[in-house]
């Protein structure tokens, strides 16, 4: 297959959309969508724009939850991505319910099928990548909706309806697992 050189600002080639929930420094529940994440064992890595309200609050409060939404939450995800939690309480404007997490001081989103509770352990910012902040965190707990587990307690990928993000800096699009 012949390839063509492209000069994109960025390239997202199908990353899961996640909702990061946290209490801000005033104790208000907040949520932001991102698509730059990965985990290995008990490590979670997230990528943010350095100037965003969410990343700066997470740097201060340290605890947060990775919530894995399904396609039914796309309108809420879009709203949360278009508004800053510094200006308004996003949970007041979308159909998302926050509850206290089990192992960290952060809210969990009830409507999401998976919740991964985390605590920040290191902030990575590098001069070569100005404007980007990476959050390295320890996973403290994993919680999965019973309807996406098989009889042995294993994750049934066929039951997941999560959202994948594609983008090149000029346009964005979503695809769904189902």
Protein backbone atom coordinates (compact mmCIF):
# COMPACT_ATOMS: atom_id res chain seq x y z
CA UNK A 1 0.00 0.00 0.00
CA UNK A 2 1.49 3.32 -1.05
CA UNK A 3 1.68 6.00 1.65
CA UNK A 4 1.42 9.78 1.28
CA UNK A 5 3.30 12.15 3.60
CA UNK A 6 0.93 14.34 5.62
CA UNK A 7 1.60 17.34 7.83
CA UNK A 8 -1.06 17.04 10.53
CA UNK A 9 -0.95 18.98 13.77
CA UNK A 10 -1.78 15.72 15.54
CA UNK A 11 -2.98 12.25 14.68
CA UNK A 12 -5.48 10.26 16.67
CA UNK A 13 -5.93 6.84 15.08
CA UNK A 14 -8.70 5.41 17.23
CA UNK A 15 -8.16 6.15 20.93
CA UNK A 16 -10.83 5.44 23.55
CA UNK A 17 -12.80 8.45 24.72
CA UNK A 18 -12.77 8.63 28.52
CA UNK A 19 -14.39 10.91 31.06
CA UNK A 20 -11.99 12.02 33.80
CA UNK A 21 -13.89 12.96 36.95
CA UNK A 22 -12.47 14.72 39.99
CA UNK A 23 -13.32 17.13 42.78
CA UNK A 24 -11.81 20.55 42.14
CA UNK A 25 -9.92 22.48 44.81
CA UNK A 26 -13.26 23.80 46.15
CA UNK A 27 -14.65 20.26 46.46
CA UNK A 28 -17.00 20.63 43.45
CA UNK A 29 -17.40 17.52 41.24
CA UNK A 30 -16.10 18.07 37.73
CA UNK A 31 -15.61 16.05 34.56
CA UNK A 32 -13.68 16.41 31.32
CA UNK A 33 -13.40 14.15 28.27
CA UNK A 34 -9.99 13.19 26.87
CA UNK A 35 -8.71 10.60 24.43
CA UNK A 36 -5.01 10.45 25.31
CA UNK A 37 -4.59 7.60 27.77
CA UNK A 38 -3.10 4.19 28.31
CA UNK A 39 -2.54 1.81 31.19
CA UNK A 40 -0.08 -0.95 31.98
CA UNK A 41 -0.67 -3.06 35.09
CA UNK A 42 -1.37 -0.54 37.90
CA UNK A 43 -0.05 2.47 35.95
CA UNK A 44 -2.27 4.98 34.16
CA UNK A 45 -0.94 7.70 31.84
CA UNK A 46 -3.06 10.62 30.68
CA UNK A 47 -2.25 13.46 28.28
CA UNK A 48 -3.74 16.96 28.59
CA UNK A 49 -3.29 20.45 27.22
CA UNK A 50 -1.25 22.22 29.92
CA UNK A 51 -3.53 25.25 30.08
CA UNK A 52 -6.76 23.36 30.80
CA UNK A 53 -8.69 23.76 34.03
CA UNK A 54 -8.98 20.00 34.60
CA UNK A 55 -5.28 19.15 34.49
CA UNK A 56 -4.41 21.99 36.83
CA UNK A 57 -7.07 20.89 39.31
CA UNK A 58 -5.89 17.26 39.12
CA UNK A 59 -2.34 18.42 39.80
CA UNK A 60 -3.66 20.06 42.98
CA UNK A 61 -6.14 17.46 44.25
CA UNK A 62 -4.33 14.33 42.93
CA UNK A 63 -7.27 11.87 42.94
CA UNK A 64 -9.42 11.21 39.87
CA UNK A 65 -11.46 8.51 38.15
CA UNK A 66 -11.26 7.27 34.56
CA UNK A 67 -14.85 6.56 33.47
CA UNK A 68 -15.44 4.60 30.25
CA UNK A 69 -18.62 5.87 28.56
CA UNK A 70 -20.76 4.21 25.92
CA UNK A 71 -22.27 5.80 22.82
CA UNK A 72 -25.45 6.79 24.68
CA UNK A 73 -23.36 9.44 26.49
CA UNK A 74 -21.98 11.13 23.35
CA UNK A 75 -24.08 14.29 23.84
CA UNK A 76 -22.83 14.66 27.42
CA UNK A 77 -19.24 14.05 26.28
CA UNK A 78 -19.56 16.71 23.58
CA UNK A 79 -21.03 19.22 26.04
CA UNK A 80 -18.34 18.55 28.66
CA UNK A 81 -15.61 18.96 26.04
CA UNK A 82 -16.99 22.31 24.88
CA UNK A 83 -17.28 23.91 28.33
CA UNK A 84 -14.80 24.60 31.12
CA UNK A 85 -15.48 23.45 34.65
CA UNK A 86 -13.95 26.72 35.78
CA UNK A 87 -16.99 28.54 34.39
CA UNK A 88 -19.85 26.18 35.30
CA UNK A 89 -20.73 22.93 37.01
CA UNK A 90 -20.91 20.47 34.10
CA UNK A 91 -22.86 17.89 36.11
CA UNK A 92 -25.71 20.44 36.38
CA UNK A 93 -26.02 20.57 32.57
CA UNK A 94 -25.75 16.93 31.46
CA UNK A 95 -27.44 13.64 32.31
CA UNK A 96 -24.53 12.25 34.31
CA UNK A 97 -24.79 11.17 37.94
CA UNK A 98 -21.75 11.47 40.20
CA UNK A 99 -21.20 9.23 43.23
CA UNK A 100 -18.29 8.95 45.64
CA UNK A 101 -15.51 6.60 44.52
CA UNK A 102 -14.56 3.59 46.65
CA UNK A 103 -10.78 4.05 47.04
CA UNK A 104 -9.98 7.68 46.12
CA UNK A 105 -11.48 11.08 46.90
CA UNK A 106 -13.13 11.64 43.52
CA UNK A 107 -16.55 11.20 41.92
CA UNK A 108 -17.48 8.18 39.80
CA UNK A 109 -19.98 8.51 36.95
CA UNK A 110 -22.81 6.01 37.49
CA UNK A 111 -23.78 5.82 33.80
CA UNK A 112 -20.31 4.64 32.69
CA UNK A 113 -19.65 0.90 32.37
CA UNK A 114 -16.10 0.99 33.76
CA UNK A 115 -14.48 3.14 36.47
CA UNK A 116 -10.75 3.14 37.21
CA UNK A 117 -9.83 5.00 40.39
CA UNK A 118 -6.41 6.69 40.34
CA UNK A 119 -4.02 8.87 42.31
CA UNK A 120 -1.48 11.13 40.61
CA UNK A 121 2.13 10.21 41.34
CA UNK A 122 4.08 12.29 38.80
CA UNK A 123 3.54 15.21 36.42
CA UNK A 124 5.57 15.14 33.21
CA UNK A 125 6.14 18.36 31.25
CA UNK A 126 9.00 18.72 28.77
CA UNK A 127 10.39 21.74 26.92
CA UNK A 128 10.34 19.82 23.65
CA UNK A 129 6.55 19.38 23.94
CA UNK A 130 5.40 22.78 25.24
CA UNK A 131 1.73 22.96 26.12
CA UNK A 132 1.41 19.22 26.88
CA UNK A 133 1.12 17.78 30.39
CA UNK A 134 1.24 14.05 31.07
CA UNK A 135 -0.17 12.68 34.29
CA UNK A 136 1.33 9.44 35.59
CA UNK A 137 -0.95 7.81 38.14
CA UNK A 138 -1.32 4.69 40.23
CA UNK A 139 -4.51 2.70 39.74
CA UNK A 140 -6.13 2.17 43.15
CA UNK A 141 -9.29 0.33 42.08
CA UNK A 142 -11.12 -1.05 39.04
CA UNK A 143 -14.92 -1.37 38.89
CA UNK A 144 -16.92 -2.87 36.03
CA UNK A 145 -20.69 -3.05 35.44
CA UNK A 146 -21.94 -6.60 35.93
CA UNK A 147 -23.57 -6.73 32.49
CA UNK A 148 -20.19 -6.51 30.74
CA UNK A 149 -18.69 -9.40 32.73
CA UNK A 150 -18.94 -13.08 31.85
CA UNK A 151 -19.85 -15.80 34.36
CA UNK A 152 -16.22 -16.12 35.48
CA UNK A 153 -15.90 -12.36 36.09
CA UNK A 154 -13.90 -11.68 32.92
CA UNK A 155 -14.48 -8.66 30.73
CA UNK A 156 -16.70 -9.40 27.71
CA UNK A 157 -15.41 -7.10 24.96
CA UNK A 158 -18.49 -7.88 22.87
CA UNK A 159 -20.65 -6.14 25.49
CA UNK A 160 -18.63 -2.91 25.53
CA UNK A 161 -19.99 0.03 23.58
CA UNK A 162 -17.17 2.49 24.09
CA UNK A 163 -16.28 5.33 21.76
CA UNK A 164 -13.10 5.66 19.69
CA UNK A 165 -11.77 9.09 18.71
CA UNK A 166 -10.11 9.86 15.39
CA UNK A 167 -8.67 13.26 14.47
CA UNK A 168 -5.95 15.07 12.56
CA UNK A 169 -6.13 18.58 14.02
CA UNK A 170 -8.53 19.73 11.29
CA UNK A 171 -11.50 17.47 11.92
CA UNK A 172 -12.60 14.90 14.45
CA UNK A 173 -14.84 11.88 14.27
CA UNK A 174 -16.06 9.09 16.50
CA UNK A 175 -16.58 5.38 15.91
CA UNK A 176 -18.21 2.87 18.17
CA UNK A 177 -17.19 -0.61 19.26
CA UNK A 178 -20.63 -2.04 18.43
